[in-house]
């Protein structure tokens, strides 16, 4: 079994985010909302394309697919403008192809900070996303596809609507490029996000 080396930068950033969460909790004690995000994204350049024995095909694109995250949301300047809110989250974005003779996995760990303007039930915002340890990993028939991409910085645009007080649905645009061995691939995507706050 191959044990992958833990990305030191990932550990440092994770510790920073945890420290920031506790600091913000002290400053905005009554305003903190914990959140869970889940979404599906589509888009980006083709990373892998597979043809099965029955001639059907499957592919992994750089901007896809599933995204889950957890974090906090709080008022940026509660005494000045309560409509301005900041979100910080960290999560996992992933896609995979599985066959009887092997599998291919594409994953990375997005660290995000977003600034929103909320007006009644609607919100719109923008932010930064930093994708840590983007990795393409193959096994068996695809064992030669292993690649460790550089960490990547991208940009986010998001707008949505609050279905209930603690649940909202939104549309998100991600603009990011991944690089490996001086080759760039586009991870730009558009997707749907569901956010639960409590």
Protein backbone atom coordinates (compact mmCIF):
# COMPACT_ATOMS: atom_id res chain seq x y z
CA UNK A 1 0.00 0.00 0.00
CA UNK A 2 1.30 3.43 -0.92
CA UNK A 3 1.04 6.02 1.85
CA UNK A 4 0.83 9.51 0.41
CA UNK A 5 2.86 12.24 2.00
CA UNK A 6 0.65 14.75 3.79
CA UNK A 7 0.80 18.17 2.21
CA UNK A 8 2.47 20.44 4.78
CA UNK A 9 0.83 23.55 3.36
CA UNK A 10 -2.57 21.91 3.80
CA UNK A 11 -1.84 21.35 7.49
CA UNK A 12 -0.63 24.92 7.99
CA UNK A 13 -3.66 26.44 6.27
CA UNK A 14 -6.05 24.15 8.14
CA UNK A 15 -4.52 25.21 11.48
CA UNK A 16 -4.82 28.86 10.39
CA UNK A 17 -8.49 28.45 9.49
CA UNK A 18 -9.25 26.74 12.81
CA UNK A 19 -7.51 29.56 14.70
CA UNK A 20 -9.40 32.15 12.65
CA UNK A 21 -12.71 30.46 13.39
CA UNK A 22 -12.07 30.59 17.13
CA UNK A 23 -10.92 34.21 16.93
CA UNK A 24 -14.01 35.23 14.98
CA UNK A 25 -16.22 33.28 17.41
CA UNK A 26 -14.92 35.41 20.27
CA UNK A 27 -15.39 38.68 18.34
CA UNK A 28 -18.84 37.93 16.92
CA UNK A 29 -20.06 35.53 19.60
CA UNK A 30 -23.76 36.05 18.95
CA UNK A 31 -23.54 36.24 15.18
CA UNK A 32 -21.71 33.07 14.18
CA UNK A 33 -23.58 30.61 11.99
CA UNK A 34 -22.01 27.24 11.28
CA UNK A 35 -22.70 25.87 7.83
CA UNK A 36 -22.55 22.80 5.64
CA UNK A 37 -22.34 23.08 1.85
CA UNK A 38 -22.96 20.49 -0.85
CA UNK A 39 -22.90 21.05 -4.59
CA UNK A 40 -22.42 19.73 -8.09
CA UNK A 41 -20.18 21.50 -10.63
CA UNK A 42 -19.79 21.00 -14.37
CA UNK A 43 -17.08 22.22 -16.74
CA UNK A 44 -13.35 22.45 -17.30
CA UNK A 45 -10.88 20.76 -19.63
CA UNK A 46 -10.91 16.99 -20.07
CA UNK A 47 -8.43 15.26 -17.75
CA UNK A 48 -9.28 11.64 -18.53
CA UNK A 49 -11.51 9.84 -21.01
CA UNK A 50 -12.27 6.12 -20.71
CA UNK A 51 -13.83 3.74 -23.26
CA UNK A 52 -15.51 0.65 -21.79
CA UNK A 53 -15.79 -2.78 -23.38
CA UNK A 54 -19.34 -2.02 -24.52
CA UNK A 55 -18.06 1.11 -26.34
CA UNK A 56 -19.66 3.52 -23.86
CA UNK A 57 -17.43 6.31 -22.59
CA UNK A 58 -16.85 8.23 -19.38
CA UNK A 59 -14.68 11.22 -18.57
CA UNK A 60 -13.36 13.39 -15.79
CA UNK A 61 -13.24 17.14 -16.32
CA UNK A 62 -10.96 19.42 -14.31
CA UNK A 63 -13.83 21.51 -12.92
CA UNK A 64 -16.05 18.66 -11.75
CA UNK A 65 -17.85 17.17 -9.86
CA UNK A 66 -19.08 16.87 -6.27
CA UNK A 67 -18.23 19.42 -3.58
CA UNK A 68 -18.84 19.23 0.17
CA UNK A 69 -17.62 21.75 2.75
CA UNK A 70 -18.09 23.06 6.26
CA UNK A 71 -17.35 26.43 7.80
CA UNK A 72 -18.83 29.58 9.31
CA UNK A 73 -20.70 32.70 8.26
CA UNK A 74 -20.81 35.97 10.20
CA UNK A 75 -21.59 39.69 9.84
CA UNK A 76 -18.61 41.53 8.40
CA UNK A 77 -19.48 44.89 10.00
CA UNK A 78 -22.61 44.36 12.10
CA UNK A 79 -22.70 47.90 13.47
CA UNK A 80 -22.22 49.50 10.04
CA UNK A 81 -24.07 47.34 7.53
CA UNK A 82 -25.77 44.11 8.71
CA UNK A 83 -26.36 43.10 5.06
CA UNK A 84 -22.64 42.36 4.56
CA UNK A 85 -21.67 38.82 5.54
CA UNK A 86 -18.44 36.83 5.30
CA UNK A 87 -18.13 33.07 4.82
CA UNK A 88 -15.06 30.92 5.44
CA UNK A 89 -15.15 27.23 4.60
CA UNK A 90 -12.93 24.27 3.82
CA UNK A 91 -14.02 21.17 1.93
CA UNK A 92 -13.40 18.41 -0.57
CA UNK A 93 -14.10 18.47 -4.31
CA UNK A 94 -13.93 15.16 -6.16
CA UNK A 95 -14.86 12.99 -9.12
CA UNK A 96 -14.07 9.40 -10.07
CA UNK A 97 -14.40 6.66 -12.65
CA UNK A 98 -14.72 3.10 -11.39
CA UNK A 99 -14.46 -0.07 -13.48
CA UNK A 100 -14.01 -3.75 -12.71
CA UNK A 101 -10.30 -3.55 -13.54
CA UNK A 102 -9.41 -0.30 -11.78
CA UNK A 103 -10.38 3.25 -10.98
CA UNK A 104 -9.41 6.89 -11.51
CA UNK A 105 -9.91 9.56 -8.84
CA UNK A 106 -9.62 13.34 -9.10
CA UNK A 107 -9.69 15.29 -5.85
CA UNK A 108 -8.62 18.54 -4.14
CA UNK A 109 -9.34 20.45 -0.93
CA UNK A 110 -10.78 23.95 -1.51
CA UNK A 111 -10.27 26.63 1.14
CA UNK A 112 -12.66 29.51 0.47
CA UNK A 113 -13.49 32.98 1.71
CA UNK A 114 -16.51 34.83 0.27
CA UNK A 115 -18.12 38.21 0.84
CA UNK A 116 -21.90 38.37 0.42
CA UNK A 117 -24.53 41.08 0.29
CA UNK A 118 -27.87 39.82 1.60
CA UNK A 119 -31.13 41.56 0.73
CA UNK A 120 -34.16 39.86 2.27
CA UNK A 121 -34.13 36.28 0.90
CA UNK A 122 -31.59 36.88 -1.88
CA UNK A 123 -27.81 37.07 -1.75
CA UNK A 124 -24.97 37.77 -4.16
CA UNK A 125 -21.24 37.61 -3.56
CA UNK A 126 -17.71 36.91 -4.69
CA UNK A 127 -14.58 35.46 -3.19
CA UNK A 128 -11.37 33.47 -3.42
CA UNK A 129 -10.84 29.73 -3.51
CA UNK A 130 -7.49 28.03 -2.90
CA UNK A 131 -7.36 24.40 -4.01
CA UNK A 132 -4.92 22.35 -1.96
CA UNK A 133 -3.31 19.10 -3.11
CA UNK A 134 -5.10 18.59 -6.47
CA UNK A 135 -4.39 14.95 -7.28
CA UNK A 136 -5.23 12.61 -10.15
CA UNK A 137 -4.84 9.04 -8.97
CA UNK A 138 -5.26 5.86 -11.00
CA UNK A 139 -5.14 2.20 -10.05
CA UNK A 140 -4.71 -1.07 -11.97
CA UNK A 141 -5.43 -0.29 -15.66
CA UNK A 142 -4.89 3.44 -14.97
CA UNK A 143 -1.85 3.25 -12.66
CA UNK A 144 0.20 5.43 -15.05
CA UNK A 145 -2.23 8.36 -14.68
CA UNK A 146 -1.00 9.47 -11.25
CA UNK A 147 -0.26 13.22 -11.16
CA UNK A 148 0.16 15.75 -8.35
CA UNK A 149 -0.92 19.19 -9.54
CA UNK A 150 0.27 22.46 -8.00
CA UNK A 151 -1.94 24.17 -5.46
CA UNK A 152 -4.13 26.67 -7.30
CA UNK A 153 -5.79 30.02 -6.56
CA UNK A 154 -9.11 30.87 -8.18
CA UNK A 155 -12.13 33.17 -8.00
CA UNK A 156 -15.79 32.64 -7.16
CA UNK A 157 -19.07 34.32 -8.05
CA UNK A 158 -22.26 33.17 -6.38
CA UNK A 159 -25.89 34.20 -6.15
CA UNK A 160 -28.75 32.45 -4.45
CA UNK A 161 -32.07 32.45 -2.67
CA UNK A 162 -33.03 31.49 0.88
CA UNK A 163 -35.67 28.76 0.76
CA UNK A 164 -36.00 28.84 4.55
CA UNK A 165 -34.22 30.73 7.31
CA UNK A 166 -31.43 28.15 7.48
CA UNK A 167 -31.40 26.67 3.97
CA UNK A 168 -30.48 28.34 0.68
CA UNK A 169 -29.85 27.30 -2.93
CA UNK A 170 -27.41 29.11 -5.18
CA UNK A 171 -25.68 29.18 -8.54
CA UNK A 172 -21.88 29.37 -8.48
CA UNK A 173 -19.18 30.16 -11.05
CA UNK A 174 -15.59 29.05 -10.37
CA UNK A 175 -12.62 30.41 -12.31
CA UNK A 176 -9.39 28.47 -11.75
CA UNK A 177 -6.48 26.86 -13.62
CA UNK A 178 -4.48 23.82 -12.50
CA UNK A 179 -0.84 23.25 -13.43
CA UNK A 180 1.33 20.14 -13.58
CA UNK A 181 4.76 19.88 -15.24
CA UNK A 182 4.31 23.36 -16.78
CA UNK A 183 1.03 22.32 -18.42
CA UNK A 184 -2.11 24.30 -17.52
CA UNK A 185 -5.66 22.96 -17.59
CA UNK A 186 -8.82 24.97 -17.03
CA UNK A 187 -10.94 24.06 -14.04
CA UNK A 188 -13.59 26.69 -14.76
CA UNK A 189 -17.04 25.45 -13.83
CA UNK A 190 -20.63 26.36 -13.10
CA UNK A 191 -22.69 24.60 -10.50
CA UNK A 192 -25.51 24.47 -8.00
CA UNK A 193 -24.85 24.80 -4.27
CA UNK A 194 -27.03 23.95 -1.30
CA UNK A 195 -26.14 25.57 2.05
CA UNK A 196 -27.52 24.71 5.47
CA UNK A 197 -26.78 27.08 8.38
CA UNK A 198 -27.39 26.48 12.07
